[in-house]
């Protein structure tokens, strides 16, 4: 993996602690983000698994993540 930072999306219901500990153990740089504008820089994106797809999609839409994720993953081809 390159020197790019890994951005972990925190919507308030994923297992952020386990993911961040794993990434830290692997000695990669990471940042936990709660704002869609934080994806503007060059990074890799981690979206923790969630138990309720409908709730996750509703939160992504309400918080303004849908378009930025579509752009970053589909258009810019960032690792997701």
PDB file of N, CA and C in Angstrom:
ATOM      1  N   UNK A   1       0.850  -1.173   0.000  1.00  0.00           N
ATOM      2  CA  UNK A   1       0.000   0.000   0.000  1.00  0.00           C
ATOM      3  C   UNK A   1       0.894   1.234   0.000  1.00  0.00           C
ATOM      4  N   UNK A   2       0.500   2.263  -0.669  1.00  0.00           N
ATOM      5  CA  UNK A   2       1.290   3.488  -0.734  1.00  0.00           C
ATOM      6  C   UNK A   2       1.157   4.264   0.575  1.00  0.00           C
ATOM      7  N   UNK A   3       1.693   5.461   0.586  1.00  0.00           N
ATOM      8  CA  UNK A   3       1.643   6.293   1.781  1.00  0.00           C
ATOM      9  C   UNK A   3       0.317   7.012   1.959  1.00  0.00           C
ATOM     10  N   UNK A   4      -0.665   6.705   1.167  1.00  0.00           N
ATOM     11  CA  UNK A   4      -1.962   7.342   1.294  1.00  0.00           C
ATOM     12  C   UNK A   4      -2.565   7.006   2.650  1.00  0.00           C
ATOM     13  N   UNK A   5      -3.300   7.961   3.169  1.00  0.00           N
ATOM     14  CA  UNK A   5      -3.971   7.743   4.447  1.00  0.00           C
ATOM     15  C   UNK A   5      -5.265   6.960   4.213  1.00  0.00           C
ATOM     16  N   UNK A   6      -5.628   6.167   5.185  1.00  0.00           N
ATOM     17  CA  UNK A   6      -6.885   5.420   5.129  1.00  0.00           C
ATOM     18  C   UNK A   6      -7.905   6.208   5.923  1.00  0.00           C
ATOM     19  N   UNK A   7      -9.030   6.525   5.303  1.00  0.00           N
ATOM     20  CA  UNK A   7     -10.097   7.268   5.973  1.00  0.00           C
ATOM     21  C   UNK A   7     -11.208   6.281   6.328  1.00  0.00           C
ATOM     22  N   UNK A   8     -11.533   6.200   7.615  1.00  0.00           N
ATOM     23  CA  UNK A   8     -12.592   5.326   8.101  1.00  0.00           C
ATOM     24  C   UNK A   8     -13.838   6.182   8.311  1.00  0.00           C
ATOM     25  N   UNK A   9     -14.909   5.852   7.606  1.00  0.00           N
ATOM     26  CA  UNK A   9     -16.150   6.613   7.727  1.00  0.00           C
ATOM     27  C   UNK A   9     -16.881   6.180   8.993  1.00  0.00           C
ATOM     28  N   UNK A  10     -17.170   7.156   9.847  1.00  0.00           N
ATOM     29  CA  UNK A  10     -17.881   6.897  11.098  1.00  0.00           C
ATOM     30  C   UNK A  10     -19.258   7.549  11.041  1.00  0.00           C
ATOM     31  N   UNK A  11     -20.279   6.719  10.885  1.00  0.00           N
ATOM     32  CA  UNK A  11     -21.659   7.211  10.880  1.00  0.00           C
ATOM     33  C   UNK A  11     -22.318   6.998  12.239  1.00  0.00           C
ATOM     34  N   UNK A  12     -21.564   6.483  13.187  1.00  0.00           N
ATOM     35  CA  UNK A  12     -22.071   6.318  14.538  1.00  0.00           C
ATOM     36  C   UNK A  12     -22.616   4.941  14.850  1.00  0.00           C
ATOM     37  N   UNK A  13     -22.506   3.986  13.900  1.00  0.00           N
ATOM     38  CA  UNK A  13     -23.050   2.662  14.196  1.00  0.00           C
ATOM     39  C   UNK A  13     -22.200   1.511  13.679  1.00  0.00           C
ATOM     40  N   UNK A  14     -21.038   1.761  13.127  1.00  0.00           N
ATOM     41  CA  UNK A  14     -20.150   0.686  12.690  1.00  0.00           C
ATOM     42  C   UNK A  14     -19.136   0.376  13.779  1.00  0.00           C
ATOM     43  N   UNK A  15     -18.393  -0.700  13.625  1.00  0.00           N
ATOM     44  CA  UNK A  15     -17.401  -1.089  14.617  1.00  0.00           C
ATOM     45  C   UNK A  15     -16.074  -0.384  14.322  1.00  0.00           C
ATOM     46  N   UNK A  16     -16.038   0.894  14.612  1.00  0.00           N
ATOM     47  CA  UNK A  16     -14.874   1.730  14.320  1.00  0.00           C
ATOM     48  C   UNK A  16     -13.652   1.296  15.133  1.00  0.00           C
ATOM     49  N   UNK A  17     -13.857   0.930  16.372  1.00  0.00           N
ATOM     50  CA  UNK A  17     -12.752   0.564  17.256  1.00  0.00           C
ATOM     51  C   UNK A  17     -11.959  -0.621  16.718  1.00  0.00           C
ATOM     52  N   UNK A  18     -12.640  -1.682  16.330  1.00  0.00           N
ATOM     53  CA  UNK A  18     -11.940  -2.876  15.813  1.00  0.00           C
ATOM     54  C   UNK A  18     -11.194  -2.574  14.528  1.00  0.00           C
ATOM     55  N   UNK A  19     -11.816  -1.826  13.645  1.00  0.00           N
ATOM     56  CA  UNK A  19     -11.169  -1.503  12.364  1.00  0.00           C
ATOM     57  C   UNK A  19      -9.946  -0.624  12.593  1.00  0.00           C
ATOM     58  N   UNK A  20     -10.082   0.406  13.422  1.00  0.00           N
ATOM     59  CA  UNK A  20      -8.947   1.295  13.657  1.00  0.00           C
ATOM     60  C   UNK A  20      -7.793   0.557  14.342  1.00  0.00           C
ATOM     61  N   UNK A  21      -8.100  -0.349  15.275  1.00  0.00           N
ATOM     62  CA  UNK A  21      -7.047  -1.133  15.930  1.00  0.00           C
ATOM     63  C   UNK A  21      -6.325  -2.031  14.931  1.00  0.00           C
ATOM     64  N   UNK A  22      -7.067  -2.621  14.015  1.00  0.00           N
ATOM     65  CA  UNK A  22      -6.470  -3.480  12.988  1.00  0.00           C
ATOM     66  C   UNK A  22      -5.548  -2.671  12.071  1.00  0.00           C
ATOM     67  N   UNK A  23      -6.028  -1.533  11.608  1.00  0.00           N
ATOM     68  CA  UNK A  23      -5.223  -0.697  10.711  1.00  0.00           C
ATOM     69  C   UNK A  23      -3.986  -0.182  11.438  1.00  0.00           C
ATOM     70  N   UNK A  24      -4.154   0.187  12.700  1.00  0.00           N
ATOM     71  CA  UNK A  24      -3.021   0.640  13.502  1.00  0.00           C
ATOM     72  C   UNK A  24      -2.007  -0.490  13.693  1.00  0.00           C
ATOM     73  N   UNK A  25      -2.491  -1.704  13.964  1.00  0.00           N
ATOM     74  CA  UNK A  25      -1.619  -2.867  14.129  1.00  0.00           C
ATOM     75  C   UNK A  25      -0.795  -3.112  12.861  1.00  0.00           C
ATOM     76  N   UNK A  26      -1.401  -2.879  11.703  1.00  0.00           N
ATOM     77  CA  UNK A  26      -0.707  -3.056  10.428  1.00  0.00           C
ATOM     78  C   UNK A  26       0.216  -1.884  10.099  1.00  0.00           C
ATOM     79  N   UNK A  27       0.238  -0.896  10.984  1.00  0.00           N
ATOM     80  CA  UNK A  27       1.132   0.258  10.887  1.00  0.00           C
ATOM     81  C   UNK A  27       0.826   1.168   9.691  1.00  0.00           C
ATOM     82  N   UNK A  28      -0.455   1.339   9.390  1.00  0.00           N
ATOM     83  CA  UNK A  28      -0.870   2.277   8.350  1.00  0.00           C
ATOM     84  C   UNK A  28      -1.422   3.535   9.010  1.00  0.00           C
ATOM     85  N   UNK A  29      -1.289   4.635   8.318  1.00  0.00           N
ATOM     86  CA  UNK A  29      -1.861   5.891   8.795  1.00  0.00           C
ATOM     87  C   UNK A  29      -3.354   5.871   8.511  1.00  0.00           C
ATOM     88  N   UNK A  30      -4.141   6.341   9.492  1.00  0.00           N
ATOM     89  CA  UNK A  30      -5.587   6.389   9.281  1.00  0.00           C
ATOM     90  C   UNK A  30      -6.181   7.589   9.997  1.00  0.00           C
ATOM     91  N   UNK A  31      -7.371   7.913   9.583  1.00  0.00           N
ATOM     92  CA  UNK A  31      -8.130   8.990  10.202  1.00  0.00           C
ATOM     93  C   UNK A  31      -9.592   8.568  10.219  1.00  0.00           C
ATOM     94  N   UNK A  32     -10.250   8.786  11.335  1.00  0.00           N
ATOM     95  CA  UNK A  32     -11.680   8.523  11.435  1.00  0.00           C
ATOM     96  C   UNK A  32     -12.392   9.809  11.062  1.00  0.00           C
ATOM     97  N   UNK A  33     -13.296   9.725  10.080  1.00  0.00           N
ATOM     98  CA  UNK A  33     -13.963  10.932   9.600  1.00  0.00           C
ATOM     99  C   UNK A  33     -15.476  10.834   9.791  1.00  0.00           C
ATOM    100  N   UNK A  34     -16.091  11.985   9.990  1.00  0.00           N
ATOM    101  CA  UNK A  34     -17.539  12.058  10.152  1.00  0.00           C
ATOM    102  C   UNK A  34     -18.166  13.034   9.174  1.00  0.00           C
ATOM    103  N   UNK A  35     -17.344  13.628   8.316  1.00  0.00           N
ATOM    104  CA  UNK A  35     -17.816  14.638   7.384  1.00  0.00           C
ATOM    105  C   UNK A  35     -17.442  14.257   5.957  1.00  0.00           C
ATOM    106  N   UNK A  36     -18.394  14.278   5.021  1.00  0.00           N
ATOM    107  CA  UNK A  36     -18.108  13.891   3.635  1.00  0.00           C
ATOM    108  C   UNK A  36     -16.999  14.713   2.972  1.00  0.00           C
ATOM    109  N   UNK A  37     -16.846  15.966   3.356  1.00  0.00           N
ATOM    110  CA  UNK A  37     -15.817  16.803   2.731  1.00  0.00           C
ATOM    111  C   UNK A  37     -14.404  16.317   3.058  1.00  0.00           C
ATOM    112  N   UNK A  38     -14.264  15.443   4.028  1.00  0.00           N
ATOM    113  CA  UNK A  38     -12.954  14.900   4.396  1.00  0.00           C
ATOM    114  C   UNK A  38     -12.414  13.919   3.364  1.00  0.00           C
ATOM    115  N   UNK A  39     -13.210  13.553   2.375  1.00  0.00           N
ATOM    116  CA  UNK A  39     -12.760  12.613   1.345  1.00  0.00           C
ATOM    117  C   UNK A  39     -12.124  13.313   0.148  1.00  0.00           C
ATOM    118  N   UNK A  40     -11.982  14.612   0.198  1.00  0.00           N
ATOM    119  CA  UNK A  40     -11.456  15.351  -0.943  1.00  0.00           C
ATOM    120  C   UNK A  40     -10.006  15.013  -1.271  1.00  0.00           C
ATOM    121  N   UNK A  41      -9.178  14.780  -0.267  1.00  0.00           N
ATOM    122  CA  UNK A  41      -7.773  14.498  -0.531  1.00  0.00           C
ATOM    123  C   UNK A  41      -7.575  13.046  -0.963  1.00  0.00           C
ATOM    124  N   UNK A  42      -6.363  12.757  -1.392  1.00  0.00           N
ATOM    125  CA  UNK A  42      -6.039  11.414  -1.853  1.00  0.00           C
ATOM    126  C   UNK A  42      -6.020  10.461  -0.655  1.00  0.00           C
ATOM    127  N   UNK A  43      -6.830   9.423  -0.717  1.00  0.00           N
ATOM    128  CA  UNK A  43      -6.929   8.496   0.407  1.00  0.00           C
ATOM    129  C   UNK A  43      -7.549   7.183  -0.054  1.00  0.00           C
ATOM    130  N   UNK A  44      -7.539   6.245   0.832  1.00  0.00           N
ATOM    131  CA  UNK A  44      -8.294   5.005   0.666  1.00  0.00           C
ATOM    132  C   UNK A  44      -9.451   5.100   1.644  1.00  0.00           C
ATOM    133  N   UNK A  45     -10.580   4.441   1.336  1.00  0.00           N
ATOM    134  CA  UNK A  45     -11.796   4.613   2.131  1.00  0.00           C
ATOM    135  C   UNK A  45     -12.231   3.275   2.728  1.00  0.00           C
ATOM    136  N   UNK A  46     -12.524   3.304   4.033  1.00  0.00           N
ATOM    137  CA  UNK A  46     -13.082   2.130   4.701  1.00  0.00           C
ATOM    138  C   UNK A  46     -14.464   2.512   5.228  1.00  0.00           C
ATOM    139  N   UNK A  47     -15.446   1.697   4.876  1.00  0.00           N
ATOM    140  CA  UNK A  47     -16.803   1.883   5.387  1.00  0.00           C
ATOM    141  C   UNK A  47     -17.146   0.645   6.190  1.00  0.00           C
ATOM    142  N   UNK A  48     -17.153   0.771   7.526  1.00  0.00           N
ATOM    143  CA  UNK A  48     -17.396  -0.401   8.375  1.00  0.00           C
ATOM    144  C   UNK A  48     -18.735  -1.061   8.078  1.00  0.00           C
ATOM    145  N   UNK A  49     -18.786  -2.351   8.239  1.00  0.00           N
ATOM    146  CA  UNK A  49     -20.029  -3.085   8.044  1.00  0.00           C
ATOM    147  C   UNK A  49     -21.091  -2.637   9.029  1.00  0.00           C
ATOM    148  N   UNK A  50     -22.318  -2.691   8.576  1.00  0.00           N
ATOM    149  CA  UNK A  50     -23.442  -2.293   9.421  1.00  0.00           C
ATOM    150  C   UNK A  50     -24.472  -3.406   9.411  1.00  0.00           C
ATOM    151  N   UNK A  51     -25.239  -3.497  10.465  1.00  0.00           N
ATOM    152  CA  UNK A  51     -26.238  -4.555  10.566  1.00  0.00           C
ATOM    153  C   UNK A  51     -27.519  -4.275   9.811  1.00  0.00           C
ATOM    154  N   UNK A  52     -27.845  -3.007   9.612  1.00  0.00           N
ATOM    155  CA  UNK A  52     -29.118  -2.653   9.005  1.00  0.00           C
ATOM    156  C   UNK A  52     -28.871  -1.797   7.765  1.00  0.00           C
ATOM    157  N   UNK A  53     -28.985  -2.404   6.594  1.00  0.00           N
ATOM    158  CA  UNK A  53     -28.703  -1.719   5.339  1.00  0.00           C
ATOM    159  C   UNK A  53     -29.581  -0.487   5.154  1.00  0.00           C
ATOM    160  N   UNK A  54     -30.868  -0.612   5.421  1.00  0.00           N
ATOM    161  CA  UNK A  54     -31.781   0.521   5.216  1.00  0.00           C
ATOM    162  C   UNK A  54     -31.403   1.709   6.099  1.00  0.00           C
ATOM    163  N   UNK A  55     -31.059   1.435   7.348  1.00  0.00           N
ATOM    164  CA  UNK A  55     -30.651   2.512   8.252  1.00  0.00           C
ATOM    165  C   UNK A  55     -29.353   3.158   7.762  1.00  0.00           C
ATOM    166  N   UNK A  56     -28.414   2.346   7.322  1.00  0.00           N
ATOM    167  CA  UNK A  56     -27.144   2.872   6.822  1.00  0.00           C
ATOM    168  C   UNK A  56     -27.360   3.756   5.600  1.00  0.00           C
ATOM    169  N   UNK A  57     -28.151   3.293   4.656  1.00  0.00           N
ATOM    170  CA  UNK A  57     -28.412   4.088   3.449  1.00  0.00           C
ATOM    171  C   UNK A  57     -29.137   5.390   3.790  1.00  0.00           C
ATOM    172  N   UNK A  58     -30.080   5.321   4.700  1.00  0.00           N
ATOM    173  CA  UNK A  58     -30.809   6.521   5.125  1.00  0.00           C
ATOM    174  C   UNK A  58     -29.847   7.536   5.750  1.00  0.00           C
ATOM    175  N   UNK A  59     -28.939   7.055   6.593  1.00  0.00           N
ATOM    176  CA  UNK A  59     -27.969   7.943   7.234  1.00  0.00           C
ATOM    177  C   UNK A  59     -26.994   8.512   6.210  1.00  0.00           C
ATOM    178  N   UNK A  60     -26.519   7.685   5.291  1.00  0.00           N
ATOM    179  CA  UNK A  60     -25.626   8.173   4.234  1.00  0.00           C
ATOM    180  C   UNK A  60     -26.290   9.286   3.439  1.00  0.00           C
ATOM    181  N   UNK A  61     -27.537   9.096   3.104  1.00  0.00           N
ATOM    182  CA  UNK A  61     -28.271  10.106   2.328  1.00  0.00           C
ATOM    183  C   UNK A  61     -28.484  11.376   3.153  1.00  0.00           C
ATOM    184  N   UNK A  62     -28.943  11.212   4.386  1.00  0.00           N
ATOM    185  CA  UNK A  62     -29.243  12.356   5.255  1.00  0.00           C
ATOM    186  C   UNK A  62     -27.994  13.185   5.548  1.00  0.00           C
ATOM    187  N   UNK A  63     -26.854  12.518   5.721  1.00  0.00           N
ATOM    188  CA  UNK A  63     -25.614  13.199   6.072  1.00  0.00           C
ATOM    189  C   UNK A  63     -24.828  13.700   4.856  1.00  0.00           C
ATOM    190  N   UNK A  64     -25.314  13.448   3.651  1.00  0.00           N
ATOM    191  CA  UNK A  64     -24.666  13.970   2.445  1.00  0.00           C
ATOM    192  C   UNK A  64     -23.494  13.165   1.916  1.00  0.00           C
ATOM    193  N   UNK A  65     -23.464  11.865   2.185  1.00  0.00           N
ATOM    194  CA  UNK A  65     -22.358  11.009   1.755  1.00  0.00           C
ATOM    195  C   UNK A  65     -22.536  10.410   0.356  1.00  0.00           C
ATOM    196  N   UNK A  66     -23.759  10.250  -0.107  1.00  0.00           N
ATOM    197  CA  UNK A  66     -24.013   9.493  -1.340  1.00  0.00           C
ATOM    198  C   UNK A  66     -23.244  10.036  -2.543  1.00  0.00           C
ATOM    199  N   UNK A  67     -23.401  11.299  -2.832  1.00  0.00           N
ATOM    200  CA  UNK A  67     -22.768  11.869  -4.030  1.00  0.00           C
ATOM    201  C   UNK A  67     -21.248  11.869  -3.941  1.00  0.00           C
ATOM    202  N   UNK A  68     -20.701  12.223  -2.770  1.00  0.00           N
ATOM    203  CA  UNK A  68     -19.245  12.252  -2.635  1.00  0.00           C
ATOM    204  C   UNK A  68     -18.662  10.851  -2.743  1.00  0.00           C
ATOM    205  N   UNK A  69     -19.331   9.856  -2.176  1.00  0.00           N
ATOM    206  CA  UNK A  69     -18.846   8.478  -2.311  1.00  0.00           C
ATOM    207  C   UNK A  69     -18.949   8.008  -3.762  1.00  0.00           C
ATOM    208  N   UNK A  70     -20.042   8.318  -4.405  1.00  0.00           N
ATOM    209  CA  UNK A  70     -20.201   7.944  -5.824  1.00  0.00           C
ATOM    210  C   UNK A  70     -19.081   8.559  -6.656  1.00  0.00           C
ATOM    211  N   UNK A  71     -18.799   9.826  -6.413  1.00  0.00           N
ATOM    212  CA  UNK A  71     -17.747  10.511  -7.158  1.00  0.00           C
ATOM    213  C   UNK A  71     -16.372   9.912  -6.855  1.00  0.00           C
ATOM    214  N   UNK A  72     -16.060   9.756  -5.573  1.00  0.00           N
ATOM    215  CA  UNK A  72     -14.732   9.285  -5.189  1.00  0.00           C
ATOM    216  C   UNK A  72     -14.472   7.838  -5.614  1.00  0.00           C
ATOM    217  N   UNK A  73     -15.478   6.986  -5.506  1.00  0.00           N
ATOM    218  CA  UNK A  73     -15.288   5.558  -5.794  1.00  0.00           C
ATOM    219  C   UNK A  73     -15.494   5.258  -7.290  1.00  0.00           C
ATOM    220  N   UNK A  74     -16.551   5.770  -7.856  1.00  0.00           N
ATOM    221  CA  UNK A  74     -16.870   5.431  -9.255  1.00  0.00           C
ATOM    222  C   UNK A  74     -16.056   6.273 -10.246  1.00  0.00           C
ATOM    223  N   UNK A  75     -15.921   7.557  -9.987  1.00  0.00           N
ATOM    224  CA  UNK A  75     -15.262   8.462 -10.929  1.00  0.00           C
ATOM    225  C   UNK A  75     -13.752   8.491 -10.724  1.00  0.00           C
ATOM    226  N   UNK A  76     -13.331   8.689  -9.468  1.00  0.00           N
ATOM    227  CA  UNK A  76     -11.899   8.798  -9.186  1.00  0.00           C
ATOM    228  C   UNK A  76     -11.230   7.452  -8.919  1.00  0.00           C
ATOM    229  N   UNK A  77     -12.060   6.393  -8.805  1.00  0.00           N
ATOM    230  CA  UNK A  77     -11.558   5.017  -8.626  1.00  0.00           C
ATOM    231  C   UNK A  77     -10.725   4.830  -7.355  1.00  0.00           C
ATOM    232  N   UNK A  78     -11.140   5.502  -6.283  1.00  0.00           N
ATOM    233  CA  UNK A  78     -10.433   5.301  -5.004  1.00  0.00           C
ATOM    234  C   UNK A  78     -10.751   3.925  -4.449  1.00  0.00           C
ATOM    235  N   UNK A  79      -9.790   3.369  -3.730  1.00  0.00           N
ATOM    236  CA  UNK A  79     -10.005   2.096  -3.043  1.00  0.00           C
ATOM    237  C   UNK A  79     -11.085   2.286  -2.002  1.00  0.00           C
ATOM    238  N   UNK A  80     -12.040   1.371  -1.985  1.00  0.00           N
ATOM    239  CA  UNK A  80     -13.164   1.450  -1.043  1.00  0.00           C
ATOM    240  C   UNK A  80     -13.349   0.108  -0.393  1.00  0.00           C
TER     241      UNK A  80
END
